[in-house]
Amino acid sequence: MENPKSKKVLLYSLPLMIALTLLFFLSKHNYLLYHTIIEFFAIFTGLSIMLIAFTTKELAENPIFTKLGILYLFVSIVDFLHTISYKGIKIFPNWSANQPTQFWIIGRSLETLGFILLFFSPNMKKRYFSLILVVTTILSITCVFFGAFPDCFVETKGLTPFKVITEYILVILLAVTIFKVLKIKDSSVKIFQKTFVLSILLTIAGELSFTLYSDVYGFFNFLGHIFRFLSYLAILIGLVIEGLKNPVNAIISQLEDERRHLRQLAYYDQLTGLYSRNFFEEVLKKQLAITEREELFSEIIIIDIDNFKQINDRYGHLVGDEVLKFVAECINQSIRSSDIAARYGGDEFVIVLSGKSEGAMNVLERIRSKLKQHRFDFPVDISYGFARFSSTNEYRTAFEKADELLYKMKNSKKQIYQ
């Protein structure tokens, strides 16, 4: 049975392949006409990205839409200048093949800068994003018109080292951006993940093609323009399909993000990253069931930070919070993934070591050893108590015993300090 998805891909790709083949033969017959057509295709696609992004931002409710629209608006402006200044058009009679090549570098650099801002600074406000692109575009175009931009193409010699090196730098930056895109979990990017990766790969292919030509009417120049157009087209199709045709997927993905956030708030203490007290009780029930079923012993450890009130009073609550986070980090690094650790309240922590553990004292020694490596201007130490249990009925007794031992240690330390 024929795969409907494969049939759909064939339906879309066949006209595109025919169009590209016709463009190839056109480039052999009249390269200037080919270049003008492919450039206006690309400019039209870039402006379509802008229009769709701007007109559907409320519908899609995706913050990346508007930024993409802003980016491709400025890229399309530079692409237009590249097109009308191309060798043979004669709108700028005193210009050579150098200026359109300079505009090409500006356009690709602007696009790469936009990707970097989108994916490495996703929370950047739109006005700052726009300001950076506006300033970069105006300064770059001004430099070309006043002859201050570095030469990119010299007649009879071909591409300059500046142009080739810049292309390779852009390729490296785009490759790094792909890895960043693949690691992003945010739904606003994740639903376009394949789209962005494909678009960036096509852009890289175009950049590499443009490092190889010596004739502005040559094959690699033809190929580079095709790759660039396809990279725009990938973005446009991604916006239409994922942002408009499949808005439900975007909503589901956003709801999933919210669910994960709420789960994080409910299950974990926001300051220390350990389990919250409420979720600790829930996880403990499962641990107790395993302990009873497999007839194992578990151990409970209760930890309290020494002189924590004095630390807060003398150094302030911000330093106190740092101490809490540091102690939690030491605890987390000293237990196994099967053990349970929670902030029980204030400066009190609870650990339950699952069966077949190495023993509470070994864990505590490891925690105290890590505490000695503190970064504060005062000593950080803990008092503790621990007890063993093997059933739900024994747990409460073990908790009370560990709590009693903890306070005995705290009281003995107070007597020493006095």
Protein backbone atom coordinates (compact mmCIF):
# COMPACT_ATOMS: atom_id res chain seq x y z
CA MET A 1 0.00 0.00 0.00
CA GLU A 2 1.39 3.41 -0.98
CA ASN A 3 2.36 5.67 1.88
CA PRO A 4 0.15 8.84 1.82
CA LYS A 5 2.97 10.89 3.31
CA SER A 6 5.40 9.80 0.57
CA LYS A 7 2.77 10.60 -2.05
CA LYS A 8 2.32 14.07 -0.57
CA VAL A 9 6.09 14.70 -0.55
CA LEU A 10 6.28 13.61 -4.19
CA LEU A 11 3.35 15.88 -5.07
CA TYR A 12 5.15 18.90 -3.62
CA SER A 13 8.70 18.04 -4.72
CA LEU A 14 7.94 17.17 -8.38
CA PRO A 15 6.91 20.71 -9.44
CA LEU A 16 9.85 22.11 -7.49
CA MET A 17 12.29 19.79 -9.28
CA ILE A 18 10.81 20.74 -12.66
CA ALA A 19 11.11 24.45 -11.80
CA LEU A 20 14.74 24.06 -10.67
CA THR A 21 15.60 22.14 -13.85
CA LEU A 22 14.09 24.90 -15.99
CA LEU A 23 16.00 27.51 -13.98
CA PHE A 24 19.24 25.59 -14.59
CA PHE A 25 18.75 25.62 -18.36
CA LEU A 26 17.74 29.27 -18.17
CA SER A 27 20.97 30.07 -16.32
CA LYS A 28 22.91 28.50 -19.20
CA HIS A 29 21.03 30.55 -21.75
CA ASN A 30 20.64 33.88 -19.91
CA TYR A 31 22.25 33.94 -16.47
CA LEU A 32 21.21 37.51 -15.70
CA LEU A 33 17.54 36.67 -16.28
CA TYR A 34 17.91 33.51 -14.16
CA HIS A 35 19.55 35.49 -11.36
CA THR A 36 16.81 38.13 -11.36
CA ILE A 37 14.07 35.46 -11.27
CA ILE A 38 15.61 33.35 -8.50
CA GLU A 39 16.37 36.46 -6.45
CA PHE A 40 12.82 37.76 -6.74
CA PHE A 41 11.54 34.29 -5.81
CA ALA A 42 13.72 34.47 -2.69
CA ILE A 43 12.69 38.06 -1.90
CA PHE A 44 9.01 37.17 -2.36
CA THR A 45 9.47 34.16 -0.05
CA GLY A 46 11.26 36.30 2.56
CA LEU A 47 8.51 38.94 2.46
CA SER A 48 5.88 36.17 2.68
CA ILE A 49 7.58 34.95 5.87
CA MET A 50 7.33 38.50 7.19
CA LEU A 51 3.65 38.92 6.22
CA ILE A 52 2.58 35.55 7.63
CA ALA A 53 4.56 36.12 10.83
CA PHE A 54 3.08 39.58 11.39
CA THR A 55 -0.54 38.76 10.48
CA THR A 56 -0.78 35.48 12.42
CA LYS A 57 1.19 36.27 15.59
CA GLU A 58 -2.02 36.49 17.67
CA LEU A 59 -3.43 33.30 16.14
CA ALA A 60 -0.23 31.30 16.57
CA GLU A 61 0.66 32.85 19.96
CA ASN A 62 4.29 32.00 19.28
CA PRO A 63 6.87 34.70 20.18
CA ILE A 64 9.30 33.47 17.53
CA PHE A 65 6.86 34.35 14.72
CA THR A 66 7.30 38.12 14.99
CA LYS A 67 11.08 37.92 15.30
CA LEU A 68 11.29 35.75 12.19
CA GLY A 69 9.17 38.29 10.33
CA ILE A 70 11.44 41.15 11.43
CA LEU A 71 14.55 39.20 10.45
CA TYR A 72 13.37 38.32 6.95
CA LEU A 73 12.10 41.84 6.31
CA PHE A 74 15.64 43.23 6.68
CA VAL A 75 17.22 40.27 4.87
CA SER A 76 14.82 40.83 1.95
CA ILE A 77 15.78 44.52 1.78
CA VAL A 78 19.46 43.59 1.45
CA ASP A 79 18.61 40.84 -1.07
CA PHE A 80 16.74 43.42 -3.17
CA LEU A 81 19.82 45.69 -3.23
CA HIS A 82 21.92 42.66 -4.20
CA THR A 83 19.54 41.92 -7.09
CA ILE A 84 19.30 45.41 -8.61
CA SER A 85 23.05 45.98 -8.30
CA TYR A 86 24.03 42.69 -9.96
CA LYS A 87 26.54 42.85 -12.79
CA GLY A 88 24.73 43.57 -16.05
CA ILE A 89 21.63 45.25 -14.54
CA LYS A 90 23.31 48.69 -14.86
CA ILE A 91 21.14 50.51 -12.34
CA PHE A 92 24.39 51.55 -10.68
CA PRO A 93 26.61 52.07 -13.78
CA ASN A 94 29.81 52.82 -11.84
CA TRP A 95 29.61 49.65 -9.79
CA SER A 96 31.30 46.32 -10.55
CA ALA A 97 30.55 42.75 -9.42
CA ASN A 98 32.07 43.70 -6.05
CA GLN A 99 29.09 45.64 -4.64
CA PRO A 100 26.42 42.94 -5.21
CA THR A 101 28.82 40.42 -3.65
CA GLN A 102 29.16 42.74 -0.67
CA PHE A 103 25.36 42.90 -0.35
CA TRP A 104 25.29 39.10 -0.52
CA ILE A 105 27.71 38.84 2.41
CA ILE A 106 25.67 41.40 4.36
CA GLY A 107 22.45 39.46 3.73
CA ARG A 108 23.90 36.14 4.85
CA SER A 109 25.62 37.73 7.86
CA LEU A 110 22.36 39.41 8.84
CA GLU A 111 20.47 36.12 8.57
CA THR A 112 23.10 34.31 10.65
CA LEU A 113 23.03 37.09 13.26
CA GLY A 114 19.25 36.77 13.42
CA PHE A 115 19.46 33.00 13.99
CA ILE A 116 22.03 33.50 16.75
CA LEU A 117 19.82 36.07 18.49
CA LEU A 118 16.73 33.86 18.09
CA PHE A 119 18.27 30.72 19.54
CA PHE A 120 20.99 31.93 21.89
CA SER A 121 18.98 34.85 23.35
CA PRO A 122 15.38 33.59 23.02
CA ASN A 123 14.10 35.93 25.74
CA MET A 124 15.44 39.08 24.09
CA LYS A 125 12.70 41.68 23.74
CA LYS A 126 11.45 42.33 20.19
CA ARG A 127 12.46 45.99 20.29
CA TYR A 128 16.08 45.10 21.09
CA PHE A 129 16.05 42.38 18.45
CA SER A 130 14.74 44.89 15.90
CA LEU A 131 17.19 47.59 16.97
CA ILE A 132 20.20 45.32 16.47
CA LEU A 133 19.02 44.35 12.97
CA VAL A 134 18.15 47.94 12.01
CA VAL A 135 21.55 49.30 13.10
CA THR A 136 23.45 46.42 11.46
CA THR A 137 21.53 46.78 8.17
CA ILE A 138 21.85 50.57 7.91
CA LEU A 139 25.55 50.63 8.83
CA SER A 140 26.40 47.82 6.39
CA ILE A 141 24.48 49.32 3.47
CA THR A 142 25.99 52.75 4.16
CA CYS A 143 29.48 51.26 4.11
CA VAL A 144 28.84 49.73 0.66
CA PHE A 145 27.55 52.99 -0.82
CA PHE A 146 30.49 54.98 0.56
CA GLY A 147 33.09 52.37 -0.42
CA ALA A 148 34.01 51.57 3.19
CA PHE A 149 32.97 47.90 3.09
CA PRO A 150 35.83 45.40 2.47
CA ASP A 151 36.13 44.18 -1.12
CA CYS A 152 34.48 40.81 -1.75
CA PHE A 153 35.09 40.32 -5.49
CA VAL A 154 37.80 41.61 -7.81
CA GLU A 155 37.37 41.37 -11.57
CA THR A 156 39.84 38.92 -13.22
CA LYS A 157 40.87 37.63 -9.76
CA GLY A 158 37.59 36.43 -8.32
CA LEU A 159 36.65 36.18 -4.65
CA THR A 160 38.74 38.04 -2.08
CA PRO A 161 40.12 36.31 1.05
CA PHE A 162 37.78 38.47 3.17
CA LYS A 163 34.73 37.06 1.36
CA VAL A 164 35.84 33.43 1.53
CA ILE A 165 36.90 33.64 5.20
CA THR A 166 33.62 35.34 6.11
CA GLU A 167 31.67 32.55 4.39
CA TYR A 168 33.56 29.91 6.39
CA ILE A 169 32.98 31.81 9.64
CA LEU A 170 29.26 31.96 8.84
CA VAL A 171 29.26 28.20 8.14
CA ILE A 172 30.84 27.52 11.55
CA LEU A 173 28.37 29.81 13.33
CA LEU A 174 25.44 28.18 11.54
CA ALA A 175 26.70 24.69 12.43
CA VAL A 176 26.93 25.70 16.10
CA THR A 177 23.40 27.12 15.83
CA ILE A 178 22.09 23.75 14.61
CA PHE A 179 23.40 22.05 17.77
CA LYS A 180 21.77 24.78 19.85
CA VAL A 181 18.42 24.34 18.06
CA LEU A 182 18.49 20.57 18.66
CA LYS A 183 18.99 21.11 22.41
CA ILE A 184 16.20 23.66 22.88
CA LYS A 185 13.17 22.23 24.71
CA ASP A 186 10.95 25.31 24.49
CA SER A 187 7.78 24.59 22.50
CA SER A 188 8.02 27.84 20.49
CA VAL A 189 11.18 26.45 18.87
CA LYS A 190 10.59 22.72 19.19
CA ILE A 191 7.63 22.62 16.79
CA PHE A 192 9.87 24.25 14.14
CA GLN A 193 12.96 22.22 15.03
CA LYS A 194 13.11 20.21 11.78
CA THR A 195 12.28 23.32 9.76
CA PHE A 196 15.09 25.38 11.28
CA VAL A 197 17.64 22.59 10.99
CA LEU A 198 16.76 22.02 7.31
CA SER A 199 16.86 25.74 6.57
CA ILE A 200 20.23 26.21 8.26
CA LEU A 201 21.70 23.16 6.48
CA LEU A 202 20.57 24.58 3.14
CA THR A 203 22.08 27.95 4.08
CA ILE A 204 25.37 26.23 4.92
CA ALA A 205 25.30 24.43 1.55
CA GLY A 206 24.75 27.79 -0.14
CA GLU A 207 27.62 29.41 1.76
CA LEU A 208 30.00 26.61 0.80
CA SER A 209 28.93 26.93 -2.85
CA PHE A 210 29.74 30.64 -2.76
CA THR A 211 33.31 29.95 -1.66
CA LEU A 212 34.03 28.07 -4.92
CA TYR A 213 33.07 30.34 -7.81
CA SER A 214 35.35 32.70 -9.75
CA ASP A 215 32.70 33.83 -12.24
CA VAL A 216 29.52 35.60 -11.08
CA TYR A 217 27.70 33.77 -13.90
CA GLY A 218 29.19 30.35 -12.99
CA PHE A 219 27.66 27.03 -11.84
CA PHE A 220 28.50 27.36 -8.13
CA ASN A 221 26.97 30.82 -8.13
CA PHE A 222 23.83 29.27 -9.65
CA LEU A 223 23.85 26.49 -7.03
CA GLY A 224 24.36 28.87 -4.10
CA HIS A 225 21.32 30.93 -5.09
CA ILE A 226 19.21 27.77 -5.33
CA PHE A 227 20.23 26.62 -1.86
CA ARG A 228 19.50 30.07 -0.42
CA PHE A 229 16.01 30.14 -2.01
CA LEU A 230 15.25 26.64 -0.69
CA SER A 231 16.35 27.68 2.82
CA TYR A 232 13.80 30.54 2.74
CA LEU A 233 11.17 28.18 1.35
CA ALA A 234 11.76 25.72 4.20
CA ILE A 235 11.10 28.48 6.75
CA LEU A 236 7.96 29.60 4.92
CA ILE A 237 6.54 26.06 4.66
CA GLY A 238 7.36 25.47 8.32
CA LEU A 239 5.48 28.61 9.33
CA VAL A 240 2.44 27.71 7.23
CA ILE A 241 2.27 24.03 8.19
CA GLU A 242 3.32 24.11 11.84
CA GLY A 243 2.08 27.58 12.73
CA LEU A 244 -1.19 27.70 10.82
CA LYS A 245 -2.28 24.28 9.57
CA ASN A 246 -1.30 22.56 12.81
CA PRO A 247 -1.99 25.16 15.55
CA VAL A 248 -3.29 22.37 17.78
CA ASN A 249 0.22 20.87 17.90
CA ALA A 250 1.58 24.22 19.00
CA ILE A 251 -1.08 24.54 21.71
CA ILE A 252 -0.45 20.98 22.93
CA SER A 253 3.28 21.64 23.02
CA GLN A 254 2.75 24.85 25.01
CA LEU A 255 0.43 23.03 27.42
CA GLU A 256 3.10 20.39 27.87
CA ASP A 257 5.60 23.12 28.78
CA GLU A 258 3.15 24.51 31.33
CA ARG A 259 2.50 21.04 32.74
CA ARG A 260 6.24 20.47 33.19
CA HIS A 261 6.56 23.86 34.87
CA LEU A 262 3.69 23.15 37.27
CA ARG A 263 5.15 19.73 38.00
CA GLN A 264 8.47 21.38 38.78
CA LEU A 265 6.73 23.78 41.18
CA ALA A 266 4.76 21.01 42.88
CA TYR A 267 7.47 18.36 43.16
CA TYR A 268 10.62 20.32 43.84
CA ASP A 269 11.76 22.96 46.28
CA GLN A 270 12.41 25.99 44.10
CA LEU A 271 15.44 27.19 46.08
CA THR A 272 17.43 23.97 46.51
CA GLY A 273 16.15 21.78 43.68
CA LEU A 274 15.55 18.87 46.09
CA TYR A 275 12.12 17.29 46.52
CA SER A 276 9.52 19.39 48.29
CA ARG A 277 8.13 18.12 51.59
CA ASN A 278 4.76 17.19 50.08
CA PHE A 279 6.25 15.23 47.19
CA PHE A 280 8.76 13.61 49.54
CA GLU A 281 5.87 12.06 51.46
CA GLU A 282 4.42 10.74 48.19
CA VAL A 283 7.70 9.22 46.98
CA LEU A 284 8.36 7.80 50.43
CA LYS A 285 5.17 5.70 50.28
CA LYS A 286 6.48 3.98 47.14
CA GLN A 287 9.89 3.48 48.74
CA LEU A 288 8.32 1.95 51.88
CA ALA A 289 6.29 -0.46 49.74
CA ILE A 290 9.47 -1.65 47.97
CA THR A 291 11.31 -1.95 51.30
CA GLU A 292 8.57 -4.13 52.79
CA ARG A 293 8.09 -6.26 49.66
CA GLU A 294 11.79 -7.04 49.27
CA GLU A 295 12.40 -7.29 53.05
CA LEU A 296 15.16 -4.69 53.01
CA PHE A 297 16.33 -2.15 55.55
CA SER A 298 16.24 1.57 54.78
CA GLU A 299 17.74 4.44 56.74
CA ILE A 300 16.42 7.90 57.41
CA ILE A 301 18.76 10.84 57.99
CA ILE A 302 17.60 14.20 59.29
CA ILE A 303 20.02 17.11 58.80
CA ASP A 304 19.99 20.60 60.24
CA ILE A 305 22.43 23.43 59.39
CA ASP A 306 24.40 24.65 62.42
CA ASN A 307 23.89 28.27 63.47
CA PHE A 308 21.69 29.00 60.46
CA LYS A 309 19.70 31.70 62.29
CA GLN A 310 22.93 33.52 63.18
CA ILE A 311 24.06 33.29 59.53
CA ASN A 312 20.80 34.86 58.39
CA ASP A 313 20.93 37.56 61.08
CA ARG A 314 24.56 38.49 60.46
CA TYR A 315 24.99 38.05 56.70
CA GLY A 316 21.42 38.44 55.43
CA HIS A 317 18.85 36.13 53.89
CA LEU A 318 20.45 36.15 50.45
CA VAL A 319 23.62 34.60 51.90
CA GLY A 320 21.41 32.26 53.91
CA ASP A 321 19.76 31.11 50.69
CA GLU A 322 23.19 30.47 49.16
CA VAL A 323 24.10 28.33 52.16
CA LEU A 324 20.88 26.32 51.77
CA LYS A 325 21.61 25.74 48.07
CA PHE A 326 25.20 24.74 48.84
CA VAL A 327 24.17 22.20 51.50
CA ALA A 328 21.52 20.79 49.16
CA GLU A 329 24.14 20.46 46.42
CA CYS A 330 26.47 18.58 48.78
CA ILE A 331 23.63 16.24 49.76
CA ASN A 332 22.64 15.62 46.14
CA GLN A 333 26.22 14.79 45.16
CA SER A 334 26.61 12.35 48.07
CA ILE A 335 23.63 10.06 47.52
CA ARG A 336 22.58 7.57 44.85
CA SER A 337 19.82 8.11 42.32
CA SER A 338 17.70 5.53 44.16
CA ASP A 339 17.89 7.52 47.43
CA ILE A 340 15.45 10.30 48.31
CA ALA A 341 16.44 13.77 49.52
CA ALA A 342 14.10 16.64 50.37
CA ARG A 343 14.09 20.03 51.98
CA TYR A 344 11.77 19.34 54.87
CA GLY A 345 11.38 22.93 56.01
CA GLY A 346 13.58 25.92 56.85
CA ASP A 347 17.15 24.64 57.13
CA GLU A 348 16.12 21.03 57.73
CA PHE A 349 16.73 18.26 55.20
CA VAL A 350 15.59 14.63 55.14
CA ILE A 351 17.28 11.76 53.31
CA VAL A 352 15.97 8.21 52.94
CA LEU A 353 18.60 5.72 51.87
CA SER A 354 17.08 2.80 50.00
CA GLY A 355 17.92 -0.83 50.76
CA LYS A 356 21.46 -2.13 50.24
CA SER A 357 22.92 1.32 50.91
CA GLU A 358 26.49 1.82 52.07
CA GLY A 359 25.25 3.15 55.40
CA ALA A 360 24.18 6.51 56.79
CA MET A 361 27.57 7.32 58.37
CA ASN A 362 29.42 6.91 55.06
CA VAL A 363 26.95 9.23 53.33
CA LEU A 364 27.20 11.78 56.14
CA GLU A 365 31.00 11.72 56.08
CA ARG A 366 30.88 12.39 52.35
CA ILE A 367 28.47 15.30 52.85
CA ARG A 368 30.60 16.86 55.60
CA SER A 369 33.73 16.44 53.51
CA LYS A 370 32.09 18.39 50.69
CA LEU A 371 30.87 21.05 53.13
CA LYS A 372 34.49 21.81 54.06
CA GLN A 373 35.04 22.99 50.49
CA HIS A 374 32.63 25.90 51.01
CA ARG A 375 33.03 29.33 49.49
CA PHE A 376 31.81 31.41 52.44
CA ASP A 377 33.58 33.60 55.00
CA PHE A 378 32.33 31.42 57.84
CA PRO A 379 32.26 27.69 58.59
CA VAL A 380 29.34 25.61 57.31
CA ASP A 381 28.53 22.45 59.22
CA ILE A 382 25.55 20.27 60.02
CA SER A 383 24.02 18.35 62.86
CA TYR A 384 22.24 15.10 62.12
CA GLY A 385 20.49 12.02 63.38
CA PHE A 386 19.71 8.75 61.65
CA ALA A 387 17.89 5.49 62.26
CA ARG A 388 17.08 2.25 60.46
CA PHE A 389 13.61 0.92 59.55
CA SER A 390 12.16 -1.90 57.47
CA SER A 391 8.43 -1.19 57.31
CA THR A 392 5.84 1.55 57.23
CA ASN A 393 5.08 0.99 60.90
CA GLU A 394 8.75 1.36 61.83
CA TYR A 395 9.25 4.53 59.76
CA ARG A 396 7.53 6.90 62.20
CA THR A 397 9.54 5.51 65.11
CA ALA A 398 12.76 5.79 63.07
CA PHE A 399 11.91 9.40 62.17
CA GLU A 400 11.37 10.30 65.84
CA LYS A 401 14.62 8.58 66.83
CA ALA A 402 16.63 10.36 64.13
CA ASP A 403 15.05 13.68 65.13
CA GLU A 404 15.94 13.05 68.79
CA LEU A 405 19.57 12.27 67.89
CA LEU A 406 19.74 15.40 65.75
CA TYR A 407 18.71 17.64 68.65
CA LYS A 408 21.10 15.91 71.03
CA MET A 409 23.94 16.73 68.63
CA LYS A 410 22.76 20.32 68.24
CA ASN A 411 22.53 20.79 72.01
CA SER A 412 25.98 19.31 72.57
CA LYS A 413 27.43 21.72 69.98
CA LYS A 414 25.72 24.66 71.66
CA GLN A 415 27.34 23.73 74.96
CA ILE A 416 30.75 23.61 73.26
CA TYR A 417 30.20 27.02 71.64
CA GLN A 418 29.11 28.50 74.97
